[in-house]
Amino acid sequence: MPLVYVTRHLHFSAAHRLHNESIDAETNAALYGACNNPLGHGHNYELEVTVAGEPDPVTGMVIDLKELKDIVQREVIDRVDHRFLNYEVECLQGVVPTAENIVVAFWHLLKDQFTSCRLYELKLYETPRNMAVYRGE
């Protein structure tokens, strides 16, 4: 059977502040610029979740797209949508919530949630021009 990749595109809105507690305020300001604003700033994030697997011989599907959407909605979107990532999202506590760190945290939330396929790739768009891609450990 062929290996097929299936992708679901979802979105959420969230705020964050790029700030590392282990360095001084001046270094944070120089490193992160306007993104270090103490009040934070927001993004309309786009998330693409790709799974890989063989199509089921009966259904012809790698995974039912509704099941894929429901898993990502429950495990990721419901936790982060309209939240301040630095303070309200448990899986991001203690890390600077860059797109790179966020996409890795999402991977850990999703990696064990699939039975008929495996998580292949996450793409997190912070803006239409900036994204982070992660394919696991």
C-alpha atoms as a PDB file:
ATOM      1  CA  MET A   1       0.000   0.000   0.000  1.00  0.00           C
ATOM      2  CA  PRO A   2       1.199   3.544  -0.685  1.00  0.00           C
ATOM      3  CA  LEU A   3       2.156   5.922   2.081  1.00  0.00           C
ATOM      4  CA  VAL A   4      -0.142   8.960   1.919  1.00  0.00           C
ATOM      5  CA  TYR A   5       0.116  12.279   3.758  1.00  0.00           C
ATOM      6  CA  VAL A   6      -3.061  14.021   4.922  1.00  0.00           C
ATOM      7  CA  THR A   7      -3.078  17.610   6.196  1.00  0.00           C
ATOM      8  CA  ARG A   8      -5.618  19.592   8.175  1.00  0.00           C
ATOM      9  CA  HIS A   9      -5.381  23.386   8.414  1.00  0.00           C
ATOM     10  CA  LEU A  10      -6.633  25.065  11.607  1.00  0.00           C
ATOM     11  CA  HIS A  11      -6.269  28.493  13.165  1.00  0.00           C
ATOM     12  CA  PHE A  12      -6.268  30.183  16.543  1.00  0.00           C
ATOM     13  CA  SER A  13      -5.601  33.607  18.013  1.00  0.00           C
ATOM     14  CA  ALA A  14      -3.286  34.098  20.958  1.00  0.00           C
ATOM     15  CA  ALA A  15      -1.025  36.600  22.659  1.00  0.00           C
ATOM     16  CA  HIS A  16       2.539  36.148  23.828  1.00  0.00           C
ATOM     17  CA  ARG A  17       5.601  38.007  24.982  1.00  0.00           C
ATOM     18  CA  LEU A  18       9.081  37.042  23.896  1.00  0.00           C
ATOM     19  CA  HIS A  19      11.032  37.299  27.120  1.00  0.00           C
ATOM     20  CA  ASN A  20      13.649  35.087  28.732  1.00  0.00           C
ATOM     21  CA  GLU A  21      13.679  35.322  32.526  1.00  0.00           C
ATOM     22  CA  SER A  22      17.298  34.143  32.663  1.00  0.00           C
ATOM     23  CA  ILE A  23      18.641  37.295  30.980  1.00  0.00           C
ATOM     24  CA  ASP A  24      18.399  40.946  31.983  1.00  0.00           C
ATOM     25  CA  ALA A  25      15.780  43.403  30.742  1.00  0.00           C
ATOM     26  CA  GLU A  26      18.177  45.285  28.462  1.00  0.00           C
ATOM     27  CA  THR A  27      19.303  42.096  26.711  1.00  0.00           C
ATOM     28  CA  ASN A  28      15.695  40.954  26.315  1.00  0.00           C
ATOM     29  CA  ALA A  29      14.764  44.314  24.780  1.00  0.00           C
ATOM     30  CA  ALA A  30      17.719  44.192  22.402  1.00  0.00           C
ATOM     31  CA  LEU A  31      17.076  40.568  21.445  1.00  0.00           C
ATOM     32  CA  TYR A  32      13.301  40.626  20.996  1.00  0.00           C
ATOM     33  CA  GLY A  33      12.593  44.307  20.239  1.00  0.00           C
ATOM     34  CA  ALA A  34       8.896  45.200  20.116  1.00  0.00           C
ATOM     35  CA  CYS A  35       8.008  41.548  20.785  1.00  0.00           C
ATOM     36  CA  ASN A  36       9.337  42.045  24.331  1.00  0.00           C
ATOM     37  CA  ASN A  37       6.496  44.458  25.208  1.00  0.00           C
ATOM     38  CA  PRO A  38       5.520  43.665  28.827  1.00  0.00           C
ATOM     39  CA  LEU A  39       1.847  43.679  27.820  1.00  0.00           C
ATOM     40  CA  GLY A  40       2.488  41.207  25.013  1.00  0.00           C
ATOM     41  CA  HIS A  41       1.140  41.210  21.482  1.00  0.00           C
ATOM     42  CA  GLY A  42      -1.096  38.905  19.486  1.00  0.00           C
ATOM     43  CA  HIS A  43      -1.118  36.787  16.369  1.00  0.00           C
ATOM     44  CA  ASN A  44      -3.670  34.982  14.263  1.00  0.00           C
ATOM     45  CA  TYR A  45      -1.786  31.701  14.010  1.00  0.00           C
ATOM     46  CA  GLU A  46      -2.327  29.089  11.314  1.00  0.00           C
ATOM     47  CA  LEU A  47      -1.503  25.455  12.072  1.00  0.00           C
ATOM     48  CA  GLU A  48      -1.099  22.676   9.517  1.00  0.00           C
ATOM     49  CA  VAL A  49      -1.095  19.162  10.932  1.00  0.00           C
ATOM     50  CA  THR A  50       0.087  16.396   8.598  1.00  0.00           C
ATOM     51  CA  VAL A  51      -0.249  12.713   9.351  1.00  0.00           C
ATOM     52  CA  ALA A  52       1.128   9.810   7.328  1.00  0.00           C
ATOM     53  CA  GLY A  53      -0.252   6.332   6.800  1.00  0.00           C
ATOM     54  CA  GLU A  54      -1.614   3.778   4.426  1.00  0.00           C
ATOM     55  CA  PRO A  55      -5.192   4.213   3.228  1.00  0.00           C
ATOM     56  CA  ASP A  56      -7.551   1.752   4.855  1.00  0.00           C
ATOM     57  CA  PRO A  57      -8.550  -0.889   2.280  1.00  0.00           C
ATOM     58  CA  VAL A  58     -12.247  -0.524   3.191  1.00  0.00           C
ATOM     59  CA  THR A  59     -12.670   3.233   3.705  1.00  0.00           C
ATOM     60  CA  GLY A  60      -9.856   4.431   1.445  1.00  0.00           C
ATOM     61  CA  MET A  61      -8.828   6.918   4.148  1.00  0.00           C
ATOM     62  CA  VAL A  62      -5.626   7.341   6.135  1.00  0.00           C
ATOM     63  CA  ILE A  63      -7.750   9.023   8.796  1.00  0.00           C
ATOM     64  CA  ASP A  64     -11.235  10.481   8.784  1.00  0.00           C
ATOM     65  CA  LEU A  65     -10.681  14.246   8.439  1.00  0.00           C
ATOM     66  CA  LYS A  66     -13.313  14.925  11.096  1.00  0.00           C
ATOM     67  CA  GLU A  67     -11.363  12.719  13.525  1.00  0.00           C
ATOM     68  CA  LEU A  68      -8.139  14.574  12.658  1.00  0.00           C
ATOM     69  CA  LYS A  69      -9.842  17.930  13.218  1.00  0.00           C
ATOM     70  CA  ASP A  70     -11.409  16.795  16.493  1.00  0.00           C
ATOM     71  CA  ILE A  71      -8.079  15.540  17.876  1.00  0.00           C
ATOM     72  CA  VAL A  72      -6.222  18.746  17.031  1.00  0.00           C
ATOM     73  CA  GLN A  73      -9.100  20.879  18.283  1.00  0.00           C
ATOM     74  CA  ARG A  74      -9.197  19.047  21.625  1.00  0.00           C
ATOM     75  CA  GLU A  75      -5.464  18.652  22.219  1.00  0.00           C
ATOM     76  CA  VAL A  76      -4.200  22.000  20.887  1.00  0.00           C
ATOM     77  CA  ILE A  77      -6.700  24.628  19.746  1.00  0.00           C
ATOM     78  CA  ASP A  78      -8.970  24.480  22.804  1.00  0.00           C
ATOM     79  CA  ARG A  79      -5.903  24.955  25.037  1.00  0.00           C
ATOM     80  CA  VAL A  80      -4.434  27.973  23.224  1.00  0.00           C
ATOM     81  CA  ASP A  81      -7.176  29.887  21.410  1.00  0.00           C
ATOM     82  CA  HIS A  82      -7.638  33.386  22.844  1.00  0.00           C
ATOM     83  CA  ARG A  83      -5.057  32.757  25.564  1.00  0.00           C
ATOM     84  CA  PHE A  84      -1.892  34.535  26.686  1.00  0.00           C
ATOM     85  CA  LEU A  85       0.601  31.788  25.903  1.00  0.00           C
ATOM     86  CA  ASN A  86       3.175  32.804  28.537  1.00  0.00           C
ATOM     87  CA  TYR A  87       0.739  32.544  31.429  1.00  0.00           C
ATOM     88  CA  GLU A  88      -2.302  30.510  30.494  1.00  0.00           C
ATOM     89  CA  VAL A  89      -0.955  27.515  28.580  1.00  0.00           C
ATOM     90  CA  GLU A  90       0.571  24.763  30.699  1.00  0.00           C
ATOM     91  CA  CYS A  91       2.707  23.168  27.975  1.00  0.00           C
ATOM     92  CA  LEU A  92       4.448  26.520  27.351  1.00  0.00           C
ATOM     93  CA  GLN A  93       5.327  27.336  30.934  1.00  0.00           C
ATOM     94  CA  GLY A  94       9.026  28.037  31.379  1.00  0.00           C
ATOM     95  CA  VAL A  95       9.848  28.465  27.680  1.00  0.00           C
ATOM     96  CA  VAL A  96      10.064  31.546  25.499  1.00  0.00           C
ATOM     97  CA  PRO A  97       6.941  31.174  23.305  1.00  0.00           C
ATOM     98  CA  THR A  98       8.620  31.584  19.935  1.00  0.00           C
ATOM     99  CA  ALA A  99       7.024  29.854  16.961  1.00  0.00           C
ATOM    100  CA  GLU A 100       9.826  27.293  17.210  1.00  0.00           C
ATOM    101  CA  ASN A 101       9.070  26.427  20.839  1.00  0.00           C
ATOM    102  CA  ILE A 102       5.305  26.499  20.313  1.00  0.00           C
ATOM    103  CA  VAL A 103       5.392  24.025  17.415  1.00  0.00           C
ATOM    104  CA  VAL A 104       7.559  21.612  19.446  1.00  0.00           C
ATOM    105  CA  ALA A 105       5.128  21.845  22.388  1.00  0.00           C
ATOM    106  CA  PHE A 106       2.214  21.110  20.040  1.00  0.00           C
ATOM    107  CA  TRP A 107       4.055  18.061  18.702  1.00  0.00           C
ATOM    108  CA  HIS A 108       4.266  16.647  22.218  1.00  0.00           C
ATOM    109  CA  LEU A 109       0.531  17.199  22.707  1.00  0.00           C
ATOM    110  CA  LEU A 110      -0.336  15.393  19.467  1.00  0.00           C
ATOM    111  CA  LYS A 111       2.260  12.688  18.863  1.00  0.00           C
ATOM    112  CA  ASP A 112       0.495   9.884  20.754  1.00  0.00           C
ATOM    113  CA  GLN A 113      -3.070  10.728  19.718  1.00  0.00           C
ATOM    114  CA  PHE A 114      -3.283   8.783  16.453  1.00  0.00           C
ATOM    115  CA  THR A 115      -3.907   5.061  16.010  1.00  0.00           C
ATOM    116  CA  SER A 116      -4.450   4.560  12.281  1.00  0.00           C
ATOM    117  CA  CYS A 117      -1.559   6.799  11.223  1.00  0.00           C
ATOM    118  CA  ARG A 118       1.392   8.716  12.634  1.00  0.00           C
ATOM    119  CA  LEU A 119       2.039  12.391  13.119  1.00  0.00           C
ATOM    120  CA  TYR A 120       4.395  13.461  10.344  1.00  0.00           C
ATOM    121  CA  GLU A 121       4.734  17.267  10.385  1.00  0.00           C
ATOM    122  CA  LEU A 122       3.485  20.443  12.004  1.00  0.00           C
ATOM    123  CA  LYS A 123       3.692  23.861  10.372  1.00  0.00           C
ATOM    124  CA  LEU A 124       2.917  26.849  12.533  1.00  0.00           C
ATOM    125  CA  TYR A 125       2.460  30.178  10.781  1.00  0.00           C
ATOM    126  CA  GLU A 126       2.904  33.097  13.176  1.00  0.00           C
ATOM    127  CA  THR A 127       2.306  35.504  10.296  1.00  0.00           C
ATOM    128  CA  PRO A 128       1.688  34.837   6.594  1.00  0.00           C
ATOM    129  CA  ARG A 129       5.451  35.223   6.048  1.00  0.00           C
ATOM    130  CA  ASN A 130       6.894  33.554   9.184  1.00  0.00           C
ATOM    131  CA  MET A 131       6.513  29.909  10.087  1.00  0.00           C
ATOM    132  CA  ALA A 132       8.188  27.091  11.971  1.00  0.00           C
ATOM    133  CA  VAL A 133       8.128  23.477  10.801  1.00  0.00           C
ATOM    134  CA  TYR A 134       8.696  20.455  13.038  1.00  0.00           C
ATOM    135  CA  ARG A 135       8.865  16.760  12.203  1.00  0.00           C
ATOM    136  CA  GLY A 136       9.518  15.284  15.618  1.00  0.00           C
ATOM    137  CA  GLU A 137      12.554  14.154  17.529  1.00  0.00           C
END
